[in-house]
Amino acid sequence: MNLSYYPNPVTNALNIELPTGDNQIEVYNLTGMLLHQTTAAGGLFTHNMADYPAGMYLVTVMNGGKRAVLKVVK
């Protein structure tokens, strides 16, 4: 799956350009704790990370049986 996401490192908001169709988005910290889960249509998706502490996060995007894992630094 071809995704673009920015900025990285993120300060307040993470932007993800999603493929068309339904996308399942999950945000995890490095201990594996699920912090956020949502479904979004294709196009630009913005996730507010302002309240997250500094660190690394894994954002998974699932669409049509394909999964992408994005490494995001805050």
PDB file of N, CA and C in Angstrom:
ATOM      1  N   MET A   1       0.852  -1.165   0.000  1.00  0.00           N
ATOM      2  CA  MET A   1       0.000   0.000   0.000  1.00  0.00           C
ATOM      3  C   MET A   1       0.905   1.238   0.000  1.00  0.00           C
ATOM      4  N   ASN A   2       0.613   2.168  -0.862  1.00  0.00           N
ATOM      5  CA  ASN A   2       1.425   3.364  -1.002  1.00  0.00           C
ATOM      6  C   ASN A   2       0.766   4.510  -0.241  1.00  0.00           C
ATOM      7  N   LEU A   3       1.396   4.940   0.862  1.00  0.00           N
ATOM      8  CA  LEU A   3       0.856   6.023   1.679  1.00  0.00           C
ATOM      9  C   LEU A   3       1.899   7.118   1.821  1.00  0.00           C
ATOM     10  N   SER A   4       1.427   8.333   2.002  1.00  0.00           N
ATOM     11  CA  SER A   4       2.343   9.395   2.406  1.00  0.00           C
ATOM     12  C   SER A   4       1.817   9.973   3.707  1.00  0.00           C
ATOM     13  N   TYR A   5       2.745  10.328   4.578  1.00  0.00           N
ATOM     14  CA  TYR A   5       2.358  10.909   5.856  1.00  0.00           C
ATOM     15  C   TYR A   5       3.380  11.962   6.246  1.00  0.00           C
ATOM     16  N   TYR A   6       2.908  12.975   6.918  1.00  0.00           N
ATOM     17  CA  TYR A   6       3.760  14.112   7.265  1.00  0.00           C
ATOM     18  C   TYR A   6       3.103  14.902   8.384  1.00  0.00           C
ATOM     19  N   PRO A   7       3.805  15.708   9.136  1.00  0.00           N
ATOM     20  CA  PRO A   7       5.256  15.757   9.240  1.00  0.00           C
ATOM     21  C   PRO A   7       5.755  14.623  10.120  1.00  0.00           C
ATOM     22  N   ASN A   8       6.986  14.306   9.996  1.00  0.00           N
ATOM     23  CA  ASN A   8       7.605  13.287  10.848  1.00  0.00           C
ATOM     24  C   ASN A   8       9.041  13.725  11.103  1.00  0.00           C
ATOM     25  N   PRO A   9       9.350  14.222  12.282  1.00  0.00           N
ATOM     26  CA  PRO A   9       8.577  14.130  13.520  1.00  0.00           C
ATOM     27  C   PRO A   9       7.376  15.079  13.526  1.00  0.00           C
ATOM     28  N   VAL A  10       6.360  14.661  14.271  1.00  0.00           N
ATOM     29  CA  VAL A  10       5.113  15.409  14.379  1.00  0.00           C
ATOM     30  C   VAL A  10       5.147  16.266  15.643  1.00  0.00           C
ATOM     31  N   THR A  11       4.541  17.440  15.565  1.00  0.00           N
ATOM     32  CA  THR A  11       4.420  18.303  16.736  1.00  0.00           C
ATOM     33  C   THR A  11       3.016  18.210  17.309  1.00  0.00           C
ATOM     34  N   ASN A  12       2.019  18.524  16.483  1.00  0.00           N
ATOM     35  CA  ASN A  12       0.630  18.501  16.948  1.00  0.00           C
ATOM     36  C   ASN A  12      -0.255  17.552  16.161  1.00  0.00           C
ATOM     37  N   ALA A  13      -0.193  17.608  14.834  1.00  0.00           N
ATOM     38  CA  ALA A  13      -1.107  16.821  14.007  1.00  0.00           C
ATOM     39  C   ALA A  13      -0.340  16.021  12.963  1.00  0.00           C
ATOM     40  N   LEU A  14      -0.749  14.775  12.793  1.00  0.00           N
ATOM     41  CA  LEU A  14      -0.196  13.887  11.776  1.00  0.00           C
ATOM     42  C   LEU A  14      -1.178  13.821  10.620  1.00  0.00           C
ATOM     43  N   ASN A  15      -0.704  14.058   9.410  1.00  0.00           N
ATOM     44  CA  ASN A  15      -1.521  13.981   8.202  1.00  0.00           C
ATOM     45  C   ASN A  15      -1.157  12.722   7.430  1.00  0.00           C
ATOM     46  N   ILE A  16      -2.178  11.964   7.018  1.00  0.00           N
ATOM     47  CA  ILE A  16      -1.968  10.745   6.246  1.00  0.00           C
ATOM     48  C   ILE A  16      -2.833  10.823   4.991  1.00  0.00           C
ATOM     49  N   GLU A  17      -2.214  10.637   3.836  1.00  0.00           N
ATOM     50  CA  GLU A  17      -2.949  10.553   2.570  1.00  0.00           C
ATOM     51  C   GLU A  17      -3.383   9.097   2.408  1.00  0.00           C
ATOM     52  N   LEU A  18      -4.680   8.834   2.541  1.00  0.00           N
ATOM     53  CA  LEU A  18      -5.216   7.477   2.527  1.00  0.00           C
ATOM     54  C   LEU A  18      -5.687   7.073   1.138  1.00  0.00           C
ATOM     55  N   PRO A  19      -5.587   5.768   0.826  1.00  0.00           N
ATOM     56  CA  PRO A  19      -6.144   5.286  -0.445  1.00  0.00           C
ATOM     57  C   PRO A  19      -7.670   5.311  -0.398  1.00  0.00           C
ATOM     58  N   THR A  20      -8.300   5.197  -1.556  1.00  0.00           N
ATOM     59  CA  THR A  20      -9.758   5.202  -1.618  1.00  0.00           C
ATOM     60  C   THR A  20     -10.326   3.990  -0.893  1.00  0.00           C
ATOM     61  N   GLY A  21     -11.557   4.121  -0.437  1.00  0.00           N
ATOM     62  CA  GLY A  21     -12.222   3.042   0.292  1.00  0.00           C
ATOM     63  C   GLY A  21     -12.134   3.259   1.784  1.00  0.00           C
ATOM     64  N   ASP A  22     -12.626   2.288   2.540  1.00  0.00           N
ATOM     65  CA  ASP A  22     -12.590   2.366   3.993  1.00  0.00           C
ATOM     66  C   ASP A  22     -11.205   1.986   4.498  1.00  0.00           C
ATOM     67  N   ASN A  23     -10.683   2.774   5.403  1.00  0.00           N
ATOM     68  CA  ASN A  23      -9.371   2.560   6.000  1.00  0.00           C
ATOM     69  C   ASN A  23      -9.527   2.438   7.509  1.00  0.00           C
ATOM     70  N   GLN A  24      -9.000   1.387   8.075  1.00  0.00           N
ATOM     71  CA  GLN A  24      -8.978   1.197   9.523  1.00  0.00           C
ATOM     72  C   GLN A  24      -7.637   1.720  10.021  1.00  0.00           C
ATOM     73  N   ILE A  25      -7.670   2.688  10.938  1.00  0.00           N
ATOM     74  CA  ILE A  25      -6.453   3.326  11.433  1.00  0.00           C
ATOM     75  C   ILE A  25      -6.336   3.065  12.930  1.00  0.00           C
ATOM     76  N   GLU A  26      -5.150   2.615  13.348  1.00  0.00           N
ATOM     77  CA  GLU A  26      -4.892   2.365  14.767  1.00  0.00           C
ATOM     78  C   GLU A  26      -3.555   2.995  15.133  1.00  0.00           C
ATOM     79  N   VAL A  27      -3.486   3.594  16.316  1.00  0.00           N
ATOM     80  CA  VAL A  27      -2.263   4.214  16.814  1.00  0.00           C
ATOM     81  C   VAL A  27      -1.839   3.477  18.077  1.00  0.00           C
ATOM     82  N   TYR A  28      -0.587   3.009  18.102  1.00  0.00           N
ATOM     83  CA  TYR A  28      -0.039   2.270  19.234  1.00  0.00           C
ATOM     84  C   TYR A  28       1.201   2.969  19.765  1.00  0.00           C
ATOM     85  N   ASN A  29       1.433   2.854  21.077  1.00  0.00           N
ATOM     86  CA  ASN A  29       2.736   3.260  21.599  1.00  0.00           C
ATOM     87  C   ASN A  29       3.668   2.053  21.480  1.00  0.00           C
ATOM     88  N   LEU A  30       4.918   2.212  21.861  1.00  0.00           N
ATOM     89  CA  LEU A  30       5.877   1.116  21.663  1.00  0.00           C
ATOM     90  C   LEU A  30       5.703  -0.039  22.633  1.00  0.00           C
ATOM     91  N   THR A  31       4.880   0.121  23.658  1.00  0.00           N
ATOM     92  CA  THR A  31       4.588  -1.013  24.540  1.00  0.00           C
ATOM     93  C   THR A  31       3.438  -1.850  23.987  1.00  0.00           C
ATOM     94  N   GLY A  32       2.856  -1.409  22.853  1.00  0.00           N
ATOM     95  CA  GLY A  32       1.771  -2.160  22.231  1.00  0.00           C
ATOM     96  C   GLY A  32       0.394  -1.727  22.666  1.00  0.00           C
ATOM     97  N   MET A  33       0.296  -0.662  23.471  1.00  0.00           N
ATOM     98  CA  MET A  33      -1.010  -0.184  23.937  1.00  0.00           C
ATOM     99  C   MET A  33      -1.712   0.570  22.814  1.00  0.00           C
ATOM    100  N   LEU A  34      -2.962   0.179  22.547  1.00  0.00           N
ATOM    101  CA  LEU A  34      -3.770   0.853  21.538  1.00  0.00           C
ATOM    102  C   LEU A  34      -4.227   2.196  22.106  1.00  0.00           C
ATOM    103  N   LEU A  35      -3.863   3.288  21.440  1.00  0.00           N
ATOM    104  CA  LEU A  35      -4.192   4.630  21.912  1.00  0.00           C
ATOM    105  C   LEU A  35      -5.387   5.229  21.180  1.00  0.00           C
ATOM    106  N   HIS A  36      -5.572   4.836  19.928  1.00  0.00           N
ATOM    107  CA  HIS A  36      -6.659   5.401  19.131  1.00  0.00           C
ATOM    108  C   HIS A  36      -7.012   4.425  18.015  1.00  0.00           C
ATOM    109  N   GLN A  37      -8.305   4.346  17.709  1.00  0.00           N
ATOM    110  CA  GLN A  37      -8.776   3.477  16.626  1.00  0.00           C
ATOM    111  C   GLN A  37      -9.928   4.180  15.937  1.00  0.00           C
ATOM    112  N   THR A  38      -9.897   4.215  14.611  1.00  0.00           N
ATOM    113  CA  THR A  38     -10.972   4.855  13.859  1.00  0.00           C
ATOM    114  C   THR A  38     -11.031   4.289  12.451  1.00  0.00           C
ATOM    115  N   THR A  39     -12.096   4.592  11.750  1.00  0.00           N
ATOM    116  CA  THR A  39     -12.255   4.253  10.342  1.00  0.00           C
ATOM    117  C   THR A  39     -12.412   5.557   9.576  1.00  0.00           C
ATOM    118  N   ALA A  40     -11.733   5.669   8.446  1.00  0.00           N
ATOM    119  CA  ALA A  40     -11.794   6.889   7.648  1.00  0.00           C
ATOM    120  C   ALA A  40     -11.860   6.537   6.170  1.00  0.00           C
ATOM    121  N   ALA A  41     -12.519   7.389   5.413  1.00  0.00           N
ATOM    122  CA  ALA A  41     -12.579   7.229   3.960  1.00  0.00           C
ATOM    123  C   ALA A  41     -11.258   7.684   3.355  1.00  0.00           C
ATOM    124  N   GLY A  42     -11.071   7.435   2.081  1.00  0.00           N
ATOM    125  CA  GLY A  42      -9.852   7.843   1.401  1.00  0.00           C
ATOM    126  C   GLY A  42      -9.699   9.352   1.366  1.00  0.00           C
ATOM    127  N   GLY A  43      -8.486   9.805   1.137  1.00  0.00           N
ATOM    128  CA  GLY A  43      -8.199  11.234   1.115  1.00  0.00           C
ATOM    129  C   GLY A  43      -7.322  11.611   2.293  1.00  0.00           C
ATOM    130  N   LEU A  44      -7.333  12.880   2.647  1.00  0.00           N
ATOM    131  CA  LEU A  44      -6.489  13.368   3.731  1.00  0.00           C
ATOM    132  C   LEU A  44      -7.134  13.091   5.081  1.00  0.00           C
ATOM    133  N   PHE A  45      -6.399  12.427   5.958  1.00  0.00           N
ATOM    134  CA  PHE A  45      -6.834  12.152   7.328  1.00  0.00           C
ATOM    135  C   PHE A  45      -5.856  12.851   8.265  1.00  0.00           C
ATOM    136  N   THR A  46      -6.366  13.587   9.234  1.00  0.00           N
ATOM    137  CA  THR A  46      -5.529  14.284  10.206  1.00  0.00           C
ATOM    138  C   THR A  46      -5.828  13.750  11.591  1.00  0.00           C
ATOM    139  N   HIS A  47      -4.765  13.344  12.292  1.00  0.00           N
ATOM    140  CA  HIS A  47      -4.905  12.821  13.660  1.00  0.00           C
ATOM    141  C   HIS A  47      -4.173  13.752  14.617  1.00  0.00           C
ATOM    142  N   ASN A  48      -4.889  14.237  15.632  1.00  0.00           N
ATOM    143  CA  ASN A  48      -4.317  15.145  16.618  1.00  0.00           C
ATOM    144  C   ASN A  48      -3.463  14.349  17.606  1.00  0.00           C
ATOM    145  N   MET A  49      -2.173  14.671  17.652  1.00  0.00           N
ATOM    146  CA  MET A  49      -1.255  14.001  18.575  1.00  0.00           C
ATOM    147  C   MET A  49      -0.684  14.973  19.611  1.00  0.00           C
ATOM    148  N   ALA A  50      -1.299  16.141  19.757  1.00  0.00           N
ATOM    149  CA  ALA A  50      -0.780  17.182  20.642  1.00  0.00           C
ATOM    150  C   ALA A  50      -0.675  16.708  22.087  1.00  0.00           C
ATOM    151  N   ASP A  51      -1.595  15.869  22.547  1.00  0.00           N
ATOM    152  CA  ASP A  51      -1.597  15.421  23.942  1.00  0.00           C
ATOM    153  C   ASP A  51      -0.727  14.191  24.191  1.00  0.00           C
ATOM    154  N   TYR A  52      -0.136  13.625  23.138  1.00  0.00           N
ATOM    155  CA  TYR A  52       0.717  12.448  23.301  1.00  0.00           C
ATOM    156  C   TYR A  52       2.084  12.884  23.828  1.00  0.00           C
ATOM    157  N   PRO A  53       2.684  12.111  24.729  1.00  0.00           N
ATOM    158  CA  PRO A  53       4.040  12.448  25.171  1.00  0.00           C
ATOM    159  C   PRO A  53       5.060  12.197  24.057  1.00  0.00           C
ATOM    160  N   ALA A  54       6.222  12.818  24.186  1.00  0.00           N
ATOM    161  CA  ALA A  54       7.292  12.618  23.206  1.00  0.00           C
ATOM    162  C   ALA A  54       7.666  11.146  23.157  1.00  0.00           C
ATOM    163  N   GLY A  55       7.951  10.646  21.974  1.00  0.00           N
ATOM    164  CA  GLY A  55       8.329   9.243  21.822  1.00  0.00           C
ATOM    165  C   GLY A  55       8.039   8.763  20.416  1.00  0.00           C
ATOM    166  N   MET A  56       8.091   7.440  20.236  1.00  0.00           N
ATOM    167  CA  MET A  56       7.816   6.834  18.935  1.00  0.00           C
ATOM    168  C   MET A  56       6.470   6.120  18.996  1.00  0.00           C
ATOM    169  N   TYR A  57       5.747   6.185  17.898  1.00  0.00           N
ATOM    170  CA  TYR A  57       4.427   5.572  17.798  1.00  0.00           C
ATOM    171  C   TYR A  57       4.342   4.777  16.507  1.00  0.00           C
ATOM    172  N   LEU A  58       3.519   3.749  16.526  1.00  0.00           N
ATOM    173  CA  LEU A  58       3.253   2.952  15.332  1.00  0.00           C
ATOM    174  C   LEU A  58       1.810   3.194  14.926  1.00  0.00           C
ATOM    175  N   VAL A  59       1.618   3.588  13.688  1.00  0.00           N
ATOM    176  CA  VAL A  59       0.284   3.832  13.146  1.00  0.00           C
ATOM    177  C   VAL A  59       0.050   2.783  12.066  1.00  0.00           C
ATOM    178  N   THR A  60      -0.966   1.960  12.253  1.00  0.00           N
ATOM    179  CA  THR A  60      -1.288   0.960  11.238  1.00  0.00           C
ATOM    180  C   THR A  60      -2.492   1.435  10.434  1.00  0.00           C
ATOM    181  N   VAL A  61      -2.402   1.223   9.128  1.00  0.00           N
ATOM    182  CA  VAL A  61      -3.494   1.540   8.220  1.00  0.00           C
ATOM    183  C   VAL A  61      -3.823   0.267   7.474  1.00  0.00           C
ATOM    184  N   MET A  62      -5.089  -0.168   7.551  1.00  0.00           N
ATOM    185  CA  MET A  62      -5.539  -1.371   6.860  1.00  0.00           C
ATOM    186  C   MET A  62      -6.600  -0.996   5.841  1.00  0.00           C
ATOM    187  N   ASN A  63      -6.413  -1.484   4.606  1.00  0.00           N
ATOM    188  CA  ASN A  63      -7.334  -1.182   3.523  1.00  0.00           C
ATOM    189  C   ASN A  63      -7.323  -2.348   2.553  1.00  0.00           C
ATOM    190  N   GLY A  64      -8.488  -2.935   2.315  1.00  0.00           N
ATOM    191  CA  GLY A  64      -8.608  -3.997   1.323  1.00  0.00           C
ATOM    192  C   GLY A  64      -7.706  -5.188   1.569  1.00  0.00           C
ATOM    193  N   GLY A  65      -7.519  -5.574   2.819  1.00  0.00           N
ATOM    194  CA  GLY A  65      -6.686  -6.720   3.141  1.00  0.00           C
ATOM    195  C   GLY A  65      -5.196  -6.416   3.185  1.00  0.00           C
ATOM    196  N   LYS A  66      -4.805  -5.179   2.926  1.00  0.00           N
ATOM    197  CA  LYS A  66      -3.401  -4.779   2.987  1.00  0.00           C
ATOM    198  C   LYS A  66      -3.182  -3.939   4.229  1.00  0.00           C
ATOM    199  N   ARG A  67      -1.969  -4.047   4.796  1.00  0.00           N
ATOM    200  CA  ARG A  67      -1.639  -3.309   6.008  1.00  0.00           C
ATOM    201  C   ARG A  67      -0.324  -2.569   5.815  1.00  0.00           C
ATOM    202  N   ALA A  68      -0.310  -1.327   6.278  1.00  0.00           N
ATOM    203  CA  ALA A  68       0.918  -0.532   6.293  1.00  0.00           C
ATOM    204  C   ALA A  68       1.164  -0.105   7.734  1.00  0.00           C
ATOM    205  N   VAL A  69       2.417  -0.157   8.159  1.00  0.00           N
ATOM    206  CA  VAL A  69       2.793   0.294   9.489  1.00  0.00           C
ATOM    207  C   VAL A  69       3.709   1.495   9.332  1.00  0.00           C
ATOM    208  N   LEU A  70       3.276   2.614   9.918  1.00  0.00           N
ATOM    209  CA  LEU A  70       4.021   3.859   9.832  1.00  0.00           C
ATOM    210  C   LEU A  70       4.704   4.122  11.163  1.00  0.00           C
ATOM    211  N   LYS A  71       5.981   4.440  11.125  1.00  0.00           N
ATOM    212  CA  LYS A  71       6.729   4.781  12.338  1.00  0.00           C
ATOM    213  C   LYS A  71       6.737   6.293  12.448  1.00  0.00           C
ATOM    214  N   VAL A  72       6.178   6.795  13.550  1.00  0.00           N
ATOM    215  CA  VAL A  72       6.030   8.237  13.734  1.00  0.00           C
ATOM    216  C   VAL A  72       6.718   8.660  15.020  1.00  0.00           C
ATOM    217  N   VAL A  73       7.506   9.727  14.944  1.00  0.00           N
ATOM    218  CA  VAL A  73       8.212  10.264  16.102  1.00  0.00           C
ATOM    219  C   VAL A  73       7.524  11.555  16.519  1.00  0.00           C
ATOM    220  N   LYS A  74       7.331  11.695  17.823  1.00  0.00           N
ATOM    221  CA  LYS A  74       6.804  12.952  18.363  1.00  0.00           C
ATOM    222  C   LYS A  74       7.811  13.503  19.337  1.00  0.00           C
TER     223      LYS A  74
END
